[in-house]
Amino acid sequence: KRNGVGELILDSNGNNRIENYQRYVPDPNAETLIAILLIILGAAIVLGLQWYGKHQKKTV
């Protein structure tokens, strides 16, 4: 996007601004927070199982 003089319009990070583009950040409501917590819980379960499996092989 360009201003009236023809210079590129930059965003707060100094990058070119794209016309008709809006950044979307979801509202921090209960559904969003539950989804984020479930993702973190799932990752923790996977990492915990990998750690447990690694230590089981060493003791057997």
PDB file of N, CA and C in Angstrom:
ATOM      1  N   LYS A   1       0.855  -1.169   0.000  1.00  0.00           N
ATOM      2  CA  LYS A   1       0.000   0.000   0.000  1.00  0.00           C
ATOM      3  C   LYS A   1       0.900   1.230   0.000  1.00  0.00           C
ATOM      4  N   ARG A   2       0.491   2.256  -0.721  1.00  0.00           N
ATOM      5  CA  ARG A   2       1.285   3.477  -0.834  1.00  0.00           C
ATOM      6  C   ARG A   2       0.459   4.675  -0.375  1.00  0.00           C
ATOM      7  N   ASN A   3       1.151   5.671   0.152  1.00  0.00           N
ATOM      8  CA  ASN A   3       0.469   6.891   0.577  1.00  0.00           C
ATOM      9  C   ASN A   3       0.304   7.827  -0.620  1.00  0.00           C
ATOM     10  N   GLY A   4      -0.169   9.032  -0.387  1.00  0.00           N
ATOM     11  CA  GLY A   4      -0.426   9.982  -1.460  1.00  0.00           C
ATOM     12  C   GLY A   4       0.813  10.386  -2.236  1.00  0.00           C
ATOM     13  N   VAL A   5       1.983  10.340  -1.624  1.00  0.00           N
ATOM     14  CA  VAL A   5       3.238  10.735  -2.272  1.00  0.00           C
ATOM     15  C   VAL A   5       3.823   9.577  -3.078  1.00  0.00           C
ATOM     16  N   GLY A   6       3.338   8.368  -2.851  1.00  0.00           N
ATOM     17  CA  GLY A   6       3.838   7.198  -3.552  1.00  0.00           C
ATOM     18  C   GLY A   6       4.811   6.367  -2.745  1.00  0.00           C
ATOM     19  N   GLU A   7       5.030   6.747  -1.486  1.00  0.00           N
ATOM     20  CA  GLU A   7       5.926   5.977  -0.628  1.00  0.00           C
ATOM     21  C   GLU A   7       5.166   4.797  -0.029  1.00  0.00           C
ATOM     22  N   LEU A   8       5.898   3.716   0.219  1.00  0.00           N
ATOM     23  CA  LEU A   8       5.271   2.549   0.830  1.00  0.00           C
ATOM     24  C   LEU A   8       4.886   2.857   2.269  1.00  0.00           C
ATOM     25  N   ILE A   9       3.722   2.379   2.675  1.00  0.00           N
ATOM     26  CA  ILE A   9       3.266   2.530   4.054  1.00  0.00           C
ATOM     27  C   ILE A   9       3.792   1.333   4.837  1.00  0.00           C
ATOM     28  N   LEU A  10       4.437   1.596   5.974  1.00  0.00           N
ATOM     29  CA  LEU A  10       5.034   0.542   6.786  1.00  0.00           C
ATOM     30  C   LEU A  10       4.224   0.326   8.054  1.00  0.00           C
ATOM     31  N   ASP A  11       4.229  -0.915   8.543  1.00  0.00           N
ATOM     32  CA  ASP A  11       3.568  -1.195   9.815  1.00  0.00           C
ATOM     33  C   ASP A  11       4.523  -0.893  10.960  1.00  0.00           C
ATOM     34  N   SER A  12       4.132  -1.244  12.184  1.00  0.00           N
ATOM     35  CA  SER A  12       4.945  -0.913  13.357  1.00  0.00           C
ATOM     36  C   SER A  12       6.275  -1.664  13.383  1.00  0.00           C
ATOM     37  N   ASN A  13       6.380  -2.767  12.627  1.00  0.00           N
ATOM     38  CA  ASN A  13       7.628  -3.532  12.573  1.00  0.00           C
ATOM     39  C   ASN A  13       8.538  -3.084  11.435  1.00  0.00           C
ATOM     40  N   GLY A  14       8.084  -2.142  10.630  1.00  0.00           N
ATOM     41  CA  GLY A  14       8.881  -1.668   9.504  1.00  0.00           C
ATOM     42  C   GLY A  14       8.678  -2.473   8.236  1.00  0.00           C
ATOM     43  N   ASN A  15       7.699  -3.373   8.223  1.00  0.00           N
ATOM     44  CA  ASN A  15       7.404  -4.175   7.035  1.00  0.00           C
ATOM     45  C   ASN A  15       6.370  -3.461   6.180  1.00  0.00           C
ATOM     46  N   ASN A  16       6.359  -3.791   4.880  1.00  0.00           N
ATOM     47  CA  ASN A  16       5.356  -3.204   4.000  1.00  0.00           C
ATOM     48  C   ASN A  16       3.962  -3.605   4.463  1.00  0.00           C
ATOM     49  N   ARG A  17       3.046  -2.678   4.378  1.00  0.00           N
ATOM     50  CA  ARG A  17       1.669  -2.959   4.777  1.00  0.00           C
ATOM     51  C   ARG A  17       0.924  -3.520   3.579  1.00  0.00           C
ATOM     52  N   ILE A  18       0.205  -4.606   3.798  1.00  0.00           N
ATOM     53  CA  ILE A  18      -0.554  -5.249   2.735  1.00  0.00           C
ATOM     54  C   ILE A  18      -1.973  -4.706   2.768  1.00  0.00           C
ATOM     55  N   GLU A  19      -2.475  -4.333   1.609  1.00  0.00           N
ATOM     56  CA  GLU A  19      -3.817  -3.767   1.526  1.00  0.00           C
ATOM     57  C   GLU A  19      -4.869  -4.856   1.733  1.00  0.00           C
ATOM     58  N   ASN A  20      -5.949  -4.528   2.424  1.00  0.00           N
ATOM     59  CA  ASN A  20      -7.072  -5.427   2.701  1.00  0.00           C
ATOM     60  C   ASN A  20      -6.657  -6.656   3.508  1.00  0.00           C
ATOM     61  N   TYR A  21      -5.689  -6.516   4.419  1.00  0.00           N
ATOM     62  CA  TYR A  21      -5.254  -7.612   5.289  1.00  0.00           C
ATOM     63  C   TYR A  21      -5.450  -7.177   6.724  1.00  0.00           C
ATOM     64  N   GLN A  22      -6.129  -8.014   7.500  1.00  0.00           N
ATOM     65  CA  GLN A  22      -6.357  -7.703   8.907  1.00  0.00           C
ATOM     66  C   GLN A  22      -5.789  -8.830   9.755  1.00  0.00           C
ATOM     67  N   ARG A  23      -5.069  -8.468  10.797  1.00  0.00           N
ATOM     68  CA  ARG A  23      -4.553  -9.476  11.722  1.00  0.00           C
ATOM     69  C   ARG A  23      -5.688  -9.905  12.643  1.00  0.00           C
ATOM     70  N   TYR A  24      -5.726 -11.201  12.931  1.00  0.00           N
ATOM     71  CA  TYR A  24      -6.806 -11.729  13.759  1.00  0.00           C
ATOM     72  C   TYR A  24      -6.230 -12.343  15.023  1.00  0.00           C
ATOM     73  N   VAL A  25      -6.656 -11.854  16.147  1.00  0.00           N
ATOM     74  CA  VAL A  25      -6.315 -12.442  17.441  1.00  0.00           C
ATOM     75  C   VAL A  25      -7.637 -12.837  18.094  1.00  0.00           C
ATOM     76  N   PRO A  26      -7.818 -14.124  18.409  1.00  0.00           N
ATOM     77  CA  PRO A  26      -9.096 -14.545  18.984  1.00  0.00           C
ATOM     78  C   PRO A  26      -9.337 -13.921  20.355  1.00  0.00           C
ATOM     79  N   ASP A  27     -10.593 -13.717  20.668  1.00  0.00           N
ATOM     80  CA  ASP A  27     -10.957 -13.179  21.974  1.00  0.00           C
ATOM     81  C   ASP A  27     -10.584 -14.184  23.062  1.00  0.00           C
ATOM     82  N   PRO A  28     -10.088 -13.706  24.186  1.00  0.00           N
ATOM     83  CA  PRO A  28      -9.719 -14.637  25.267  1.00  0.00           C
ATOM     84  C   PRO A  28     -10.941 -15.093  26.065  1.00  0.00           C
ATOM     85  N   ASN A  29     -11.854 -15.786  25.399  1.00  0.00           N
ATOM     86  CA  ASN A  29     -13.034 -16.289  26.103  1.00  0.00           C
ATOM     87  C   ASN A  29     -12.766 -17.709  26.606  1.00  0.00           C
ATOM     88  N   ALA A  30     -13.738 -18.313  27.212  1.00  0.00           N
ATOM     89  CA  ALA A  30     -13.566 -19.629  27.836  1.00  0.00           C
ATOM     90  C   ALA A  30     -13.214 -20.702  26.808  1.00  0.00           C
ATOM     91  N   GLU A  31     -13.854 -20.689  25.648  1.00  0.00           N
ATOM     92  CA  GLU A  31     -13.591 -21.718  24.641  1.00  0.00           C
ATOM     93  C   GLU A  31     -12.150 -21.658  24.144  1.00  0.00           C
ATOM     94  N   THR A  32     -11.651 -20.452  23.915  1.00  0.00           N
ATOM     95  CA  THR A  32     -10.275 -20.297  23.446  1.00  0.00           C
ATOM     96  C   THR A  32      -9.294 -20.766  24.509  1.00  0.00           C
ATOM     97  N   LEU A  33      -9.522 -20.388  25.754  1.00  0.00           N
ATOM     98  CA  LEU A  33      -8.619 -20.783  26.830  1.00  0.00           C
ATOM     99  C   LEU A  33      -8.633 -22.290  27.056  1.00  0.00           C
ATOM    100  N   ILE A  34      -9.808 -22.904  26.964  1.00  0.00           N
ATOM    101  CA  ILE A  34      -9.905 -24.359  27.117  1.00  0.00           C
ATOM    102  C   ILE A  34      -9.143 -25.055  25.992  1.00  0.00           C
ATOM    103  N   ALA A  35      -9.284 -24.557  24.761  1.00  0.00           N
ATOM    104  CA  ALA A  35      -8.572 -25.159  23.632  1.00  0.00           C
ATOM    105  C   ALA A  35      -7.063 -25.058  23.815  1.00  0.00           C
ATOM    106  N   ILE A  36      -6.580 -23.907  24.252  1.00  0.00           N
ATOM    107  CA  ILE A  36      -5.142 -23.727  24.472  1.00  0.00           C
ATOM    108  C   ILE A  36      -4.654 -24.653  25.585  1.00  0.00           C
ATOM    109  N   LEU A  37      -5.416 -24.746  26.665  1.00  0.00           N
ATOM    110  CA  LEU A  37      -5.030 -25.632  27.771  1.00  0.00           C
ATOM    111  C   LEU A  37      -5.012 -27.098  27.345  1.00  0.00           C
ATOM    112  N   LEU A  38      -5.964 -27.514  26.510  1.00  0.00           N
ATOM    113  CA  LEU A  38      -5.983 -28.896  26.040  1.00  0.00           C
ATOM    114  C   LEU A  38      -4.798 -29.193  25.120  1.00  0.00           C
ATOM    115  N   ILE A  39      -4.396 -28.221  24.319  1.00  0.00           N
ATOM    116  CA  ILE A  39      -3.215 -28.401  23.472  1.00  0.00           C
ATOM    117  C   ILE A  39      -1.975 -28.572  24.337  1.00  0.00           C
ATOM    118  N   ILE A  40      -1.846 -27.729  25.356  1.00  0.00           N
ATOM    119  CA  ILE A  40      -0.696 -27.824  26.265  1.00  0.00           C
ATOM    120  C   ILE A  40      -0.720 -29.151  27.013  1.00  0.00           C
ATOM    121  N   LEU A  41      -1.899 -29.573  27.482  1.00  0.00           N
ATOM    122  CA  LEU A  41      -2.026 -30.850  28.185  1.00  0.00           C
ATOM    123  C   LEU A  41      -1.644 -32.018  27.279  1.00  0.00           C
ATOM    124  N   GLY A  42      -2.098 -31.989  26.039  1.00  0.00           N
ATOM    125  CA  GLY A  42      -1.746 -33.050  25.092  1.00  0.00           C
ATOM    126  C   GLY A  42      -0.256 -33.119  24.842  1.00  0.00           C
ATOM    127  N   ALA A  43       0.376 -31.966  24.665  1.00  0.00           N
ATOM    128  CA  ALA A  43       1.827 -31.941  24.456  1.00  0.00           C
ATOM    129  C   ALA A  43       2.552 -32.463  25.690  1.00  0.00           C
ATOM    130  N   ALA A  44       2.063 -32.109  26.880  1.00  0.00           N
ATOM    131  CA  ALA A  44       2.692 -32.577  28.118  1.00  0.00           C
ATOM    132  C   ALA A  44       2.559 -34.096  28.251  1.00  0.00           C
ATOM    133  N   ILE A  45       1.428 -34.646  27.862  1.00  0.00           N
ATOM    134  CA  ILE A  45       1.237 -36.099  27.924  1.00  0.00           C
ATOM    135  C   ILE A  45       2.202 -36.804  26.973  1.00  0.00           C
ATOM    136  N   VAL A  46       2.318 -36.295  25.747  1.00  0.00           N
ATOM    137  CA  VAL A  46       3.228 -36.911  24.774  1.00  0.00           C
ATOM    138  C   VAL A  46       4.662 -36.846  25.268  1.00  0.00           C
ATOM    139  N   LEU A  47       5.090 -35.695  25.752  1.00  0.00           N
ATOM    140  CA  LEU A  47       6.460 -35.559  26.254  1.00  0.00           C
ATOM    141  C   LEU A  47       6.692 -36.438  27.479  1.00  0.00           C
ATOM    142  N   GLY A  48       5.692 -36.523  28.354  1.00  0.00           N
ATOM    143  CA  GLY A  48       5.814 -37.371  29.533  1.00  0.00           C
ATOM    144  C   GLY A  48       5.922 -38.839  29.170  1.00  0.00           C
ATOM    145  N   LEU A  49       5.156 -39.290  28.191  1.00  0.00           N
ATOM    146  CA  LEU A  49       5.236 -40.684  27.760  1.00  0.00           C
ATOM    147  C   LEU A  49       6.578 -40.991  27.107  1.00  0.00           C
ATOM    148  N   GLN A  50       7.100 -40.041  26.341  1.00  0.00           N
ATOM    149  CA  GLN A  50       8.424 -40.250  25.747  1.00  0.00           C
ATOM    150  C   GLN A  50       9.488 -40.347  26.832  1.00  0.00           C
ATOM    151  N   TRP A  51       9.424 -39.492  27.821  1.00  0.00           N
ATOM    152  CA  TRP A  51      10.387 -39.514  28.924  1.00  0.00           C
ATOM    153  C   TRP A  51      10.276 -40.829  29.698  1.00  0.00           C
ATOM    154  N   TYR A  52       9.043 -41.245  29.967  1.00  0.00           N
ATOM    155  CA  TYR A  52       8.810 -42.492  30.698  1.00  0.00           C
ATOM    156  C   TYR A  52       9.345 -43.687  29.914  1.00  0.00           C
ATOM    157  N   GLY A  53       9.079 -43.721  28.614  1.00  0.00           N
ATOM    158  CA  GLY A  53       9.564 -44.814  27.780  1.00  0.00           C
ATOM    159  C   GLY A  53      11.074 -44.862  27.710  1.00  0.00           C
ATOM    160  N   LYS A  54      11.709 -43.721  27.665  1.00  0.00           N
ATOM    161  CA  LYS A  54      13.166 -43.672  27.621  1.00  0.00           C
ATOM    162  C   LYS A  54      13.767 -44.217  28.913  1.00  0.00           C
ATOM    163  N   HIS A  55      13.171 -43.894  30.051  1.00  0.00           N
ATOM    164  CA  HIS A  55      13.691 -44.353  31.335  1.00  0.00           C
ATOM    165  C   HIS A  55      13.348 -45.815  31.608  1.00  0.00           C
ATOM    166  N   GLN A  56      12.268 -46.326  31.038  1.00  0.00           N
ATOM    167  CA  GLN A  56      11.916 -47.732  31.208  1.00  0.00           C
ATOM    168  C   GLN A  56      12.936 -48.630  30.511  1.00  0.00           C
ATOM    169  N   LYS A  57      13.424 -48.227  29.348  1.00  0.00           N
ATOM    170  CA  LYS A  57      14.388 -49.037  28.608  1.00  0.00           C
ATOM    171  C   LYS A  57      15.704 -49.147  29.365  1.00  0.00           C
ATOM    172  N   LYS A  58      16.073 -48.111  30.095  1.00  0.00           N
ATOM    173  CA  LYS A  58      17.338 -48.121  30.828  1.00  0.00           C
ATOM    174  C   LYS A  58      17.273 -49.045  32.040  1.00  0.00           C
ATOM    175  N   THR A  59      16.121 -49.141  32.692  1.00  0.00           N
ATOM    176  CA  THR A  59      16.017 -49.929  33.921  1.00  0.00           C
ATOM    177  C   THR A  59      15.784 -51.410  33.650  1.00  0.00           C
ATOM    178  N   VAL A  60      15.306 -51.786  32.481  1.00  0.00           N
ATOM    179  CA  VAL A  60      14.998 -53.196  32.180  1.00  0.00           C
ATOM    180  C   VAL A  60      16.209 -53.910  31.670  1.00  0.00           C
TER     181      VAL A  60
END
